[in-house]
Amino acid sequence: MENINNLANVKLDILVAEAIGIDVFYPDNHNKLSYVARLGMVPREWAPTRFWSQGGPLIEQHKIDLNWGWEETSEWTASIEPDINVQGATVLEAAMRALVCLKLPNYVKQNE
């Protein structure tokens, strides 16, 4: 089991895709993670930890609550019921960590 605070960037993006059921891949000769939004469409870069167009709708859909400096931290805190509270350097990082905790609880653990 991996600590959620160790997940960031592409590794976290891959787990977000798994959590919401999106297939991601590395296209030939490219080092950016990609996905196909709909059959027949050109692959697009997948990075919900950096792109508001991807992470923003997930925050809204899953009703992720976001706060700055919660419990005197200097990071963003993302919360989802039941009892998920995780931090991140950015809003999207914190929110995507919370989503992974919610959807893949057997893969990650929060700080105790």
PDB file of N, CA and C in Angstrom:
ATOM      1  N   MET A   1       0.849  -1.163   0.000  1.00  0.00           N
ATOM      2  CA  MET A   1       0.000   0.000   0.000  1.00  0.00           C
ATOM      3  C   MET A   1       0.899   1.232   0.000  1.00  0.00           C
ATOM      4  N   GLU A   2       0.585   2.188  -0.851  1.00  0.00           N
ATOM      5  CA  GLU A   2       1.410   3.380  -1.003  1.00  0.00           C
ATOM      6  C   GLU A   2       0.796   4.573  -0.270  1.00  0.00           C
ATOM      7  N   ASN A   3       1.651   5.400   0.327  1.00  0.00           N
ATOM      8  CA  ASN A   3       1.185   6.599   0.996  1.00  0.00           C
ATOM      9  C   ASN A   3       0.736   7.613  -0.052  1.00  0.00           C
ATOM     10  N   ILE A   4      -0.453   8.165   0.106  1.00  0.00           N
ATOM     11  CA  ILE A   4      -1.019   9.094  -0.868  1.00  0.00           C
ATOM     12  C   ILE A   4      -0.124  10.314  -1.063  1.00  0.00           C
ATOM     13  N   ASN A   5       0.608  10.726  -0.036  1.00  0.00           N
ATOM     14  CA  ASN A   5       1.474  11.897  -0.143  1.00  0.00           C
ATOM     15  C   ASN A   5       2.686  11.668  -1.038  1.00  0.00           C
ATOM     16  N   ASN A   6       2.973  10.414  -1.381  1.00  0.00           N
ATOM     17  CA  ASN A   6       4.074  10.103  -2.286  1.00  0.00           C
ATOM     18  C   ASN A   6       3.635  10.104  -3.743  1.00  0.00           C
ATOM     19  N   LEU A   7       2.351  10.280  -3.986  1.00  0.00           N
ATOM     20  CA  LEU A   7       1.840  10.255  -5.357  1.00  0.00           C
ATOM     21  C   LEU A   7       1.733  11.660  -5.915  1.00  0.00           C
ATOM     22  N   ALA A   8       2.315  11.876  -7.083  1.00  0.00           N
ATOM     23  CA  ALA A   8       2.254  13.183  -7.740  1.00  0.00           C
ATOM     24  C   ALA A   8       2.487  12.990  -9.233  1.00  0.00           C
ATOM     25  N   ASN A   9       2.234  14.042  -9.972  1.00  0.00           N
ATOM     26  CA  ASN A   9       2.515  14.108 -11.399  1.00  0.00           C
ATOM     27  C   ASN A   9       1.919  12.922 -12.165  1.00  0.00           C
ATOM     28  N   VAL A  10       2.713  12.308 -13.031  1.00  0.00           N
ATOM     29  CA  VAL A  10       2.204  11.260 -13.918  1.00  0.00           C
ATOM     30  C   VAL A  10       1.684  10.056 -13.142  1.00  0.00           C
ATOM     31  N   LYS A  11       2.349   9.674 -12.072  1.00  0.00           N
ATOM     32  CA  LYS A  11       1.901   8.522 -11.290  1.00  0.00           C
ATOM     33  C   LYS A  11       0.510   8.765 -10.714  1.00  0.00           C
ATOM     34  N   LEU A  12       0.276   9.968 -10.211  1.00  0.00           N
ATOM     35  CA  LEU A  12      -1.042  10.314  -9.693  1.00  0.00           C
ATOM     36  C   LEU A  12      -2.060  10.400 -10.834  1.00  0.00           C
ATOM     37  N   ASP A  13      -1.668  10.966 -11.968  1.00  0.00           N
ATOM     38  CA  ASP A  13      -2.563  11.043 -13.129  1.00  0.00           C
ATOM     39  C   ASP A  13      -3.013   9.653 -13.583  1.00  0.00           C
ATOM     40  N   ILE A  14      -2.103   8.689 -13.574  1.00  0.00           N
ATOM     41  CA  ILE A  14      -2.442   7.311 -13.952  1.00  0.00           C
ATOM     42  C   ILE A  14      -3.477   6.736 -12.990  1.00  0.00           C
ATOM     43  N   LEU A  15      -3.289   6.961 -11.696  1.00  0.00           N
ATOM     44  CA  LEU A  15      -4.236   6.437 -10.710  1.00  0.00           C
ATOM     45  C   LEU A  15      -5.597   7.127 -10.799  1.00  0.00           C
ATOM     46  N   VAL A  16      -5.615   8.415 -11.124  1.00  0.00           N
ATOM     47  CA  VAL A  16      -6.892   9.106 -11.329  1.00  0.00           C
ATOM     48  C   VAL A  16      -7.630   8.467 -12.499  1.00  0.00           C
ATOM     49  N   ALA A  17      -6.916   8.199 -13.583  1.00  0.00           N
ATOM     50  CA  ALA A  17      -7.533   7.545 -14.743  1.00  0.00           C
ATOM     51  C   ALA A  17      -8.118   6.192 -14.348  1.00  0.00           C
ATOM     52  N   GLU A  18      -7.357   5.417 -13.591  1.00  0.00           N
ATOM     53  CA  GLU A  18      -7.849   4.120 -13.126  1.00  0.00           C
ATOM     54  C   GLU A  18      -9.080   4.291 -12.239  1.00  0.00           C
ATOM     55  N   ALA A  19      -9.044   5.277 -11.386  1.00  0.00           N
ATOM     56  CA  ALA A  19     -10.147   5.505 -10.444  1.00  0.00           C
ATOM     57  C   ALA A  19     -11.452   5.844 -11.147  1.00  0.00           C
ATOM     58  N   ILE A  20     -11.366   6.524 -12.289  1.00  0.00           N
ATOM     59  CA  ILE A  20     -12.590   6.918 -12.987  1.00  0.00           C
ATOM     60  C   ILE A  20     -12.852   6.110 -14.247  1.00  0.00           C
ATOM     61  N   GLY A  21     -11.996   5.112 -14.508  1.00  0.00           N
ATOM     62  CA  GLY A  21     -12.240   4.190 -15.615  1.00  0.00           C
ATOM     63  C   GLY A  21     -11.830   4.688 -16.990  1.00  0.00           C
ATOM     64  N   ILE A  22     -10.777   5.481 -17.058  1.00  0.00           N
ATOM     65  CA  ILE A  22     -10.258   5.954 -18.346  1.00  0.00           C
ATOM     66  C   ILE A  22      -8.978   5.193 -18.670  1.00  0.00           C
ATOM     67  N   ASP A  23      -8.872   4.718 -19.905  1.00  0.00           N
ATOM     68  CA  ASP A  23      -7.650   4.059 -20.357  1.00  0.00           C
ATOM     69  C   ASP A  23      -6.652   5.114 -20.805  1.00  0.00           C
ATOM     70  N   VAL A  24      -5.445   5.054 -20.262  1.00  0.00           N
ATOM     71  CA  VAL A  24      -4.388   5.984 -20.639  1.00  0.00           C
ATOM     72  C   VAL A  24      -3.208   5.206 -21.206  1.00  0.00           C
ATOM     73  N   PHE A  25      -2.393   5.898 -22.000  1.00  0.00           N
ATOM     74  CA  PHE A  25      -1.268   5.247 -22.657  1.00  0.00           C
ATOM     75  C   PHE A  25      -0.221   6.293 -23.029  1.00  0.00           C
ATOM     76  N   TYR A  26       0.970   5.815 -23.363  1.00  0.00           N
ATOM     77  CA  TYR A  26       2.020   6.668 -23.898  1.00  0.00           C
ATOM     78  C   TYR A  26       2.069   6.455 -25.400  1.00  0.00           C
ATOM     79  N   PRO A  27       1.728   7.469 -26.197  1.00  0.00           N
ATOM     80  CA  PRO A  27       1.793   7.302 -27.652  1.00  0.00           C
ATOM     81  C   PRO A  27       3.240   7.078 -28.101  1.00  0.00           C
ATOM     82  N   ASP A  28       3.411   6.476 -29.262  1.00  0.00           N
ATOM     83  CA  ASP A  28       4.753   6.244 -29.798  1.00  0.00           C
ATOM     84  C   ASP A  28       5.524   7.552 -29.875  1.00  0.00           C
ATOM     85  N   ASN A  29       6.770   7.514 -29.446  1.00  0.00           N
ATOM     86  CA  ASN A  29       7.689   8.649 -29.503  1.00  0.00           C
ATOM     87  C   ASN A  29       7.223   9.867 -28.699  1.00  0.00           C
ATOM     88  N   HIS A  30       6.388   9.672 -27.724  1.00  0.00           N
ATOM     89  CA  HIS A  30       5.944  10.774 -26.876  1.00  0.00           C
ATOM     90  C   HIS A  30       6.131  10.370 -25.419  1.00  0.00           C
ATOM     91  N   ASN A  31       6.430  11.346 -24.589  1.00  0.00           N
ATOM     92  CA  ASN A  31       6.616  11.031 -23.180  1.00  0.00           C
ATOM     93  C   ASN A  31       5.475  11.558 -22.315  1.00  0.00           C
ATOM     94  N   LYS A  32       4.403  12.014 -22.955  1.00  0.00           N
ATOM     95  CA  LYS A  32       3.251  12.507 -22.212  1.00  0.00           C
ATOM     96  C   LYS A  32       2.149  11.467 -22.213  1.00  0.00           C
ATOM     97  N   LEU A  33       1.507  11.320 -21.079  1.00  0.00           N
ATOM     98  CA  LEU A  33       0.401  10.397 -20.928  1.00  0.00           C
ATOM     99  C   LEU A  33      -0.777  10.891 -21.767  1.00  0.00           C
ATOM    100  N   SER A  34      -1.455   9.987 -22.469  1.00  0.00           N
ATOM    101  CA  SER A  34      -2.566  10.370 -23.342  1.00  0.00           C
ATOM    102  C   SER A  34      -3.781   9.505 -23.105  1.00  0.00           C
ATOM    103  N   TYR A  35      -4.920   9.964 -23.622  1.00  0.00           N
ATOM    104  CA  TYR A  35      -6.169   9.216 -23.590  1.00  0.00           C
ATOM    105  C   TYR A  35      -6.984   9.613 -24.805  1.00  0.00           C
ATOM    106  N   VAL A  36      -7.985   8.808 -25.107  1.00  0.00           N
ATOM    107  CA  VAL A  36      -8.896   9.125 -26.199  1.00  0.00           C
ATOM    108  C   VAL A  36     -10.255   9.410 -25.559  1.00  0.00           C
ATOM    109  N   ALA A  37     -10.730  10.652 -25.717  1.00  0.00           N
ATOM    110  CA  ALA A  37     -11.983  11.061 -25.079  1.00  0.00           C
ATOM    111  C   ALA A  37     -13.182  10.298 -25.642  1.00  0.00           C
ATOM    112  N   ARG A  38     -13.203  10.136 -26.952  1.00  0.00           N
ATOM    113  CA  ARG A  38     -14.281   9.395 -27.606  1.00  0.00           C
ATOM    114  C   ARG A  38     -13.703   8.620 -28.774  1.00  0.00           C
ATOM    115  N   LEU A  39     -14.305   7.511 -29.100  1.00  0.00           N
ATOM    116  CA  LEU A  39     -13.866   6.679 -30.206  1.00  0.00           C
ATOM    117  C   LEU A  39     -13.736   7.520 -31.472  1.00  0.00           C
ATOM    118  N   GLY A  40     -12.620   7.393 -32.144  1.00  0.00           N
ATOM    119  CA  GLY A  40     -12.380   8.120 -33.375  1.00  0.00           C
ATOM    120  C   GLY A  40     -11.705   9.464 -33.198  1.00  0.00           C
ATOM    121  N   MET A  41     -11.573   9.927 -31.959  1.00  0.00           N
ATOM    122  CA  MET A  41     -10.923  11.218 -31.718  1.00  0.00           C
ATOM    123  C   MET A  41      -9.409  11.053 -31.615  1.00  0.00           C
ATOM    124  N   VAL A  42      -8.719  12.123 -31.876  1.00  0.00           N
ATOM    125  CA  VAL A  42      -7.266  12.158 -31.737  1.00  0.00           C
ATOM    126  C   VAL A  42      -6.920  12.086 -30.255  1.00  0.00           C
ATOM    127  N   PRO A  43      -5.887  11.320 -29.871  1.00  0.00           N
ATOM    128  CA  PRO A  43      -5.489  11.265 -28.466  1.00  0.00           C
ATOM    129  C   PRO A  43      -5.119  12.647 -27.926  1.00  0.00           C
ATOM    130  N   ARG A  44      -5.456  12.869 -26.665  1.00  0.00           N
ATOM    131  CA  ARG A  44      -5.146  14.117 -25.972  1.00  0.00           C
ATOM    132  C   ARG A  44      -4.284  13.805 -24.765  1.00  0.00           C
ATOM    133  N   GLU A  45      -3.539  14.803 -24.334  1.00  0.00           N
ATOM    134  CA  GLU A  45      -2.724  14.619 -23.137  1.00  0.00           C
ATOM    135  C   GLU A  45      -3.644  14.467 -21.922  1.00  0.00           C
ATOM    136  N   TRP A  46      -3.295  13.552 -21.014  1.00  0.00           N
ATOM    137  CA  TRP A  46      -4.051  13.327 -19.785  1.00  0.00           C
ATOM    138  C   TRP A  46      -3.219  13.818 -18.613  1.00  0.00           C
ATOM    139  N   ALA A  47      -3.690  14.854 -17.936  1.00  0.00           N
ATOM    140  CA  ALA A  47      -2.973  15.398 -16.784  1.00  0.00           C
ATOM    141  C   ALA A  47      -3.948  16.146 -15.873  1.00  0.00           C
ATOM    142  N   PRO A  48      -4.857  15.437 -15.192  1.00  0.00           N
ATOM    143  CA  PRO A  48      -5.819  16.116 -14.328  1.00  0.00           C
ATOM    144  C   PRO A  48      -5.176  16.817 -13.126  1.00  0.00           C
ATOM    145  N   THR A  49      -3.935  16.508 -12.826  1.00  0.00           N
ATOM    146  CA  THR A  49      -3.246  17.211 -11.748  1.00  0.00           C
ATOM    147  C   THR A  49      -2.708  18.566 -12.211  1.00  0.00           C
ATOM    148  N   ARG A  50      -2.777  18.839 -13.526  1.00  0.00           N
ATOM    149  CA  ARG A  50      -2.312  20.120 -14.064  1.00  0.00           C
ATOM    150  C   ARG A  50      -3.364  20.851 -14.890  1.00  0.00           C
ATOM    151  N   PHE A  51      -4.306  20.132 -15.471  1.00  0.00           N
ATOM    152  CA  PHE A  51      -5.281  20.749 -16.378  1.00  0.00           C
ATOM    153  C   PHE A  51      -6.636  20.902 -15.693  1.00  0.00           C
ATOM    154  N   TRP A  52      -7.071  22.147 -15.516  1.00  0.00           N
ATOM    155  CA  TRP A  52      -8.376  22.404 -14.912  1.00  0.00           C
ATOM    156  C   TRP A  52      -9.503  21.822 -15.748  1.00  0.00           C
ATOM    157  N   SER A  53      -9.323  21.738 -17.052  1.00  0.00           N
ATOM    158  CA  SER A  53     -10.374  21.189 -17.912  1.00  0.00           C
ATOM    159  C   SER A  53     -10.634  19.716 -17.612  1.00  0.00           C
ATOM    160  N   GLN A  54      -9.671  19.028 -17.012  1.00  0.00           N
ATOM    161  CA  GLN A  54      -9.832  17.617 -16.636  1.00  0.00           C
ATOM    162  C   GLN A  54     -10.099  17.473 -15.141  1.00  0.00           C
ATOM    163  N   GLY A  55      -9.310  18.117 -14.313  1.00  0.00           N
ATOM    164  CA  GLY A  55      -9.458  17.989 -12.863  1.00  0.00           C
ATOM    165  C   GLY A  55     -10.644  18.750 -12.303  1.00  0.00           C
ATOM    166  N   GLY A  56     -10.952  19.911 -12.874  1.00  0.00           N
ATOM    167  CA  GLY A  56     -12.053  20.734 -12.378  1.00  0.00           C
ATOM    168  C   GLY A  56     -13.393  20.018 -12.367  1.00  0.00           C
ATOM    169  N   PRO A  57     -13.797  19.383 -13.491  1.00  0.00           N
ATOM    170  CA  PRO A  57     -15.071  18.653 -13.478  1.00  0.00           C
ATOM    171  C   PRO A  57     -15.090  17.500 -12.471  1.00  0.00           C
ATOM    172  N   LEU A  58     -13.934  16.885 -12.209  1.00  0.00           N
ATOM    173  CA  LEU A  58     -13.880  15.803 -11.220  1.00  0.00           C
ATOM    174  C   LEU A  58     -14.087  16.339  -9.807  1.00  0.00           C
ATOM    175  N   ILE A  59     -13.558  17.533  -9.539  1.00  0.00           N
ATOM    176  CA  ILE A  59     -13.770  18.171  -8.238  1.00  0.00           C
ATOM    177  C   ILE A  59     -15.262  18.407  -8.027  1.00  0.00           C
ATOM    178  N   GLU A  60     -15.897  18.944  -9.054  1.00  0.00           N
ATOM    179  CA  GLU A  60     -17.333  19.229  -8.953  1.00  0.00           C
ATOM    180  C   GLU A  60     -18.160  17.949  -8.862  1.00  0.00           C
ATOM    181  N   GLN A  61     -17.867  16.993  -9.730  1.00  0.00           N
ATOM    182  CA  GLN A  61     -18.631  15.746  -9.768  1.00  0.00           C
ATOM    183  C   GLN A  61     -18.581  14.996  -8.446  1.00  0.00           C
ATOM    184  N   HIS A  62     -17.423  14.967  -7.809  1.00  0.00           N
ATOM    185  CA  HIS A  62     -17.245  14.193  -6.582  1.00  0.00           C
ATOM    186  C   HIS A  62     -17.373  15.049  -5.324  1.00  0.00           C
ATOM    187  N   LYS A  63     -17.756  16.317  -5.523  1.00  0.00           N
ATOM    188  CA  LYS A  63     -17.991  17.238  -4.406  1.00  0.00           C
ATOM    189  C   LYS A  63     -16.805  17.296  -3.440  1.00  0.00           C
ATOM    190  N   ILE A  64     -15.636  17.532  -4.016  1.00  0.00           N
ATOM    191  CA  ILE A  64     -14.418  17.627  -3.218  1.00  0.00           C
ATOM    192  C   ILE A  64     -14.336  19.025  -2.623  1.00  0.00           C
ATOM    193  N   ASP A  65     -14.203  19.086  -1.313  1.00  0.00           N
ATOM    194  CA  ASP A  65     -14.107  20.346  -0.592  1.00  0.00           C
ATOM    195  C   ASP A  65     -12.639  20.742  -0.508  1.00  0.00           C
ATOM    196  N   LEU A  66     -12.336  22.011  -0.807  1.00  0.00           N
ATOM    197  CA  LEU A  66     -10.951  22.474  -0.837  1.00  0.00           C
ATOM    198  C   LEU A  66     -10.746  23.652   0.105  1.00  0.00           C
ATOM    199  N   ASN A  67      -9.635  23.611   0.831  1.00  0.00           N
ATOM    200  CA  ASN A  67      -9.295  24.679   1.774  1.00  0.00           C
ATOM    201  C   ASN A  67      -7.795  24.928   1.748  1.00  0.00           C
ATOM    202  N   TRP A  68      -7.427  26.209   1.910  1.00  0.00           N
ATOM    203  CA  TRP A  68      -6.013  26.569   2.021  1.00  0.00           C
ATOM    204  C   TRP A  68      -5.643  26.685   3.495  1.00  0.00           C
ATOM    205  N   GLY A  69      -4.510  26.092   3.855  1.00  0.00           N
ATOM    206  CA  GLY A  69      -3.982  26.244   5.201  1.00  0.00           C
ATOM    207  C   GLY A  69      -4.827  25.619   6.293  1.00  0.00           C
ATOM    208  N   TRP A  70      -5.552  24.563   5.973  1.00  0.00           N
ATOM    209  CA  TRP A  70      -6.404  23.887   6.952  1.00  0.00           C
ATOM    210  C   TRP A  70      -5.542  23.244   8.018  1.00  0.00           C
ATOM    211  N   GLU A  71      -5.951  23.354   9.249  1.00  0.00           N
ATOM    212  CA  GLU A  71      -5.206  22.840  10.404  1.00  0.00           C
ATOM    213  C   GLU A  71      -3.753  23.311  10.374  1.00  0.00           C
ATOM    214  N   GLU A  72      -3.587  24.581  10.023  1.00  0.00           N
ATOM    215  CA  GLU A  72      -2.305  25.260  10.042  1.00  0.00           C
ATOM    216  C   GLU A  72      -1.243  24.657   9.129  1.00  0.00           C
ATOM    217  N   THR A  73      -1.658  24.047   8.030  1.00  0.00           N
ATOM    218  CA  THR A  73      -0.689  23.605   7.028  1.00  0.00           C
ATOM    219  C   THR A  73      -0.469  24.752   6.050  1.00  0.00           C
ATOM    220  N   SER A  74       0.562  24.670   5.262  1.00  0.00           N
ATOM    221  CA  SER A  74       0.796  25.669   4.221  1.00  0.00           C
ATOM    222  C   SER A  74       0.580  25.033   2.850  1.00  0.00           C
ATOM    223  N   GLU A  75      -0.425  24.180   2.788  1.00  0.00           N
ATOM    224  CA  GLU A  75      -0.793  23.499   1.553  1.00  0.00           C
ATOM    225  C   GLU A  75      -2.305  23.523   1.400  1.00  0.00           C
ATOM    226  N   TRP A  76      -2.753  23.075   0.240  1.00  0.00           N
ATOM    227  CA  TRP A  76      -4.183  22.882   0.008  1.00  0.00           C
ATOM    228  C   TRP A  76      -4.614  21.575   0.642  1.00  0.00           C
ATOM    229  N   THR A  77      -5.799  21.561   1.200  1.00  0.00           N
ATOM    230  CA  THR A  77      -6.395  20.346   1.747  1.00  0.00           C
ATOM    231  C   THR A  77      -7.650  20.033   0.955  1.00  0.00           C
ATOM    232  N   ALA A  78      -7.774  18.782   0.559  1.00  0.00           N
ATOM    233  CA  ALA A  78      -8.962  18.313  -0.141  1.00  0.00           C
ATOM    234  C   ALA A  78      -9.664  17.301   0.748  1.00  0.00           C
ATOM    235  N   SER A  79     -10.980  17.451   0.862  1.00  0.00           N
ATOM    236  CA  SER A  79     -11.766  16.569   1.728  1.00  0.00           C
ATOM    237  C   SER A  79     -12.932  15.970   0.957  1.00  0.00           C
ATOM    238  N   ILE A  80     -13.182  14.694   1.210  1.00  0.00           N
ATOM    239  CA  ILE A  80     -14.342  13.985   0.668  1.00  0.00           C
ATOM    240  C   ILE A  80     -14.853  13.091   1.785  1.00  0.00           C
ATOM    241  N   GLU A  81     -16.158  12.980   1.875  1.00  0.00           N
ATOM    242  CA  GLU A  81     -16.742  12.029   2.826  1.00  0.00           C
ATOM    243  C   GLU A  81     -16.519  10.620   2.308  1.00  0.00           C
ATOM    244  N   PRO A  82     -16.254   9.641   3.082  1.00  0.00           N
ATOM    245  CA  PRO A  82     -16.184   9.657   4.544  1.00  0.00           C
ATOM    246  C   PRO A  82     -14.749   9.830   5.025  1.00  0.00           C
ATOM    247  N   ASP A  83     -14.474  10.880   5.716  1.00  0.00           N
ATOM    248  CA  ASP A  83     -13.216  11.091   6.446  1.00  0.00           C
ATOM    249  C   ASP A  83     -11.949  11.057   5.604  1.00  0.00           C
ATOM    250  N   ILE A  84     -11.988  11.587   4.389  1.00  0.00           N
ATOM    251  CA  ILE A  84     -10.776  11.699   3.586  1.00  0.00           C
ATOM    252  C   ILE A  84     -10.322  13.146   3.627  1.00  0.00           C
ATOM    253  N   ASN A  85      -9.114  13.367   4.111  1.00  0.00           N
ATOM    254  CA  ASN A  85      -8.488  14.683   4.169  1.00  0.00           C
ATOM    255  C   ASN A  85      -7.039  14.524   3.763  1.00  0.00           C
ATOM    256  N   VAL A  86      -6.690  15.079   2.615  1.00  0.00           N
ATOM    257  CA  VAL A  86      -5.306  14.978   2.127  1.00  0.00           C
ATOM    258  C   VAL A  86      -4.830  16.345   1.682  1.00  0.00           C
ATOM    259  N   GLN A  87      -3.513  16.509   1.635  1.00  0.00           N
ATOM    260  CA  GLN A  87      -2.920  17.776   1.242  1.00  0.00           C
ATOM    261  C   GLN A  87      -2.228  17.656  -0.110  1.00  0.00           C
ATOM    262  N   GLY A  88      -1.963  18.826  -0.698  1.00  0.00           N
ATOM    263  CA  GLY A  88      -1.216  18.903  -1.938  1.00  0.00           C
ATOM    264  C   GLY A  88      -0.671  20.297  -2.138  1.00  0.00           C
ATOM    265  N   ALA A  89       0.365  20.412  -2.942  1.00  0.00           N
ATOM    266  CA  ALA A  89       0.977  21.708  -3.211  1.00  0.00           C
ATOM    267  C   ALA A  89       0.060  22.604  -4.034  1.00  0.00           C
ATOM    268  N   THR A  90      -0.813  21.997  -4.841  1.00  0.00           N
ATOM    269  CA  THR A  90      -1.773  22.745  -5.646  1.00  0.00           C
ATOM    270  C   THR A  90      -3.177  22.223  -5.360  1.00  0.00           C
ATOM    271  N   VAL A  91      -4.164  22.997  -5.754  1.00  0.00           N
ATOM    272  CA  VAL A  91      -5.557  22.567  -5.594  1.00  0.00           C
ATOM    273  C   VAL A  91      -5.785  21.249  -6.324  1.00  0.00           C
ATOM    274  N   LEU A  92      -5.332  21.166  -7.568  1.00  0.00           N
ATOM    275  CA  LEU A  92      -5.580  19.966  -8.359  1.00  0.00           C
ATOM    276  C   LEU A  92      -4.860  18.747  -7.796  1.00  0.00           C
ATOM    277  N   GLU A  93      -3.647  18.921  -7.317  1.00  0.00           N
ATOM    278  CA  GLU A  93      -2.931  17.794  -6.720  1.00  0.00           C
ATOM    279  C   GLU A  93      -3.675  17.275  -5.491  1.00  0.00           C
ATOM    280  N   ALA A  94      -4.088  18.171  -4.608  1.00  0.00           N
ATOM    281  CA  ALA A  94      -4.812  17.754  -3.405  1.00  0.00           C
ATOM    282  C   ALA A  94      -6.120  17.070  -3.776  1.00  0.00           C
ATOM    283  N   ALA A  95      -6.860  17.645  -4.706  1.00  0.00           N
ATOM    284  CA  ALA A  95      -8.151  17.081  -5.095  1.00  0.00           C
ATOM    285  C   ALA A  95      -8.001  15.709  -5.739  1.00  0.00           C
ATOM    286  N   MET A  96      -7.002  15.544  -6.592  1.00  0.00           N
ATOM    287  CA  MET A  96      -6.823  14.250  -7.260  1.00  0.00           C
ATOM    288  C   MET A  96      -6.339  13.194  -6.267  1.00  0.00           C
ATOM    289  N   ARG A  97      -5.562  13.598  -5.267  1.00  0.00           N
ATOM    290  CA  ARG A  97      -5.179  12.657  -4.208  1.00  0.00           C
ATOM    291  C   ARG A  97      -6.414  12.194  -3.445  1.00  0.00           C
ATOM    292  N   ALA A  98      -7.313  13.123  -3.152  1.00  0.00           N
ATOM    293  CA  ALA A  98      -8.543  12.761  -2.433  1.00  0.00           C
ATOM    294  C   ALA A  98      -9.390  11.809  -3.263  1.00  0.00           C
ATOM    295  N   LEU A  99      -9.502  12.074  -4.551  1.00  0.00           N
ATOM    296  CA  LEU A  99     -10.289  11.209  -5.432  1.00  0.00           C
ATOM    297  C   LEU A  99      -9.719   9.793  -5.475  1.00  0.00           C
ATOM    298  N   VAL A 100      -8.407   9.684  -5.555  1.00  0.00           N
ATOM    299  CA  VAL A 100      -7.768   8.359  -5.565  1.00  0.00           C
ATOM    300  C   VAL A 100      -8.021   7.642  -4.241  1.00  0.00           C
ATOM    301  N   CYS A 101      -7.934   8.361  -3.127  1.00  0.00           N
ATOM    302  CA  CYS A 101      -8.228   7.745  -1.823  1.00  0.00           C
ATOM    303  C   CYS A 101      -9.655   7.213  -1.779  1.00  0.00           C
ATOM    304  N   LEU A 102     -10.588   7.972  -2.340  1.00  0.00           N
ATOM    305  CA  LEU A 102     -11.986   7.566  -2.341  1.00  0.00           C
ATOM    306  C   LEU A 102     -12.227   6.343  -3.209  1.00  0.00           C
ATOM    307  N   LYS A 103     -11.683   6.360  -4.411  1.00  0.00           N
ATOM    308  CA  LYS A 103     -11.991   5.319  -5.399  1.00  0.00           C
ATOM    309  C   LYS A 103     -11.082   4.098  -5.326  1.00  0.00           C
ATOM    310  N   LEU A 104      -9.883   4.261  -4.819  1.00  0.00           N
ATOM    311  CA  LEU A 104      -8.926   3.147  -4.748  1.00  0.00           C
ATOM    312  C   LEU A 104      -8.397   2.978  -3.318  1.00  0.00           C
ATOM    313  N   PRO A 105      -9.285   2.768  -2.361  1.00  0.00           N
ATOM    314  CA  PRO A 105      -8.844   2.733  -0.958  1.00  0.00           C
ATOM    315  C   PRO A 105      -7.894   1.589  -0.626  1.00  0.00           C
ATOM    316  N   ASN A 106      -7.892   0.528  -1.393  1.00  0.00           N
ATOM    317  CA  ASN A 106      -6.987  -0.592  -1.122  1.00  0.00           C
ATOM    318  C   ASN A 106      -5.599  -0.379  -1.705  1.00  0.00           C
ATOM    319  N   TYR A 107      -5.435   0.693  -2.489  1.00  0.00           N
ATOM    320  CA  TYR A 107      -4.138   0.969  -3.094  1.00  0.00           C
ATOM    321  C   TYR A 107      -3.325   1.982  -2.299  1.00  0.00           C
ATOM    322  N   VAL A 108      -4.013   2.952  -1.704  1.00  0.00           N
ATOM    323  CA  VAL A 108      -3.306   4.038  -1.021  1.00  0.00           C
ATOM    324  C   VAL A 108      -3.738   4.149   0.431  1.00  0.00           C
ATOM    325  N   LYS A 109      -2.907   4.792   1.227  1.00  0.00           N
ATOM    326  CA  LYS A 109      -3.261   5.071   2.617  1.00  0.00           C
ATOM    327  C   LYS A 109      -2.995   6.535   2.897  1.00  0.00           C
ATOM    328  N   GLN A 110      -3.776   7.076   3.804  1.00  0.00           N
ATOM    329  CA  GLN A 110      -3.574   8.441   4.264  1.00  0.00           C
ATOM    330  C   GLN A 110      -2.633   8.405   5.451  1.00  0.00           C
ATOM    331  N   ASN A 111      -2.110   9.560   5.797  1.00  0.00           N
ATOM    332  CA  ASN A 111      -1.282   9.641   7.016  1.00  0.00           C
ATOM    333  C   ASN A 111      -2.130   9.316   8.223  1.00  0.00           C
ATOM    334  N   GLU A 112      -1.573   8.609   9.130  1.00  0.00           N
ATOM    335  CA  GLU A 112      -2.271   8.250  10.375  1.00  0.00           C
ATOM    336  C   GLU A 112      -1.932   9.243  11.448  1.00  0.00           C
TER     337      GLU A 112
END
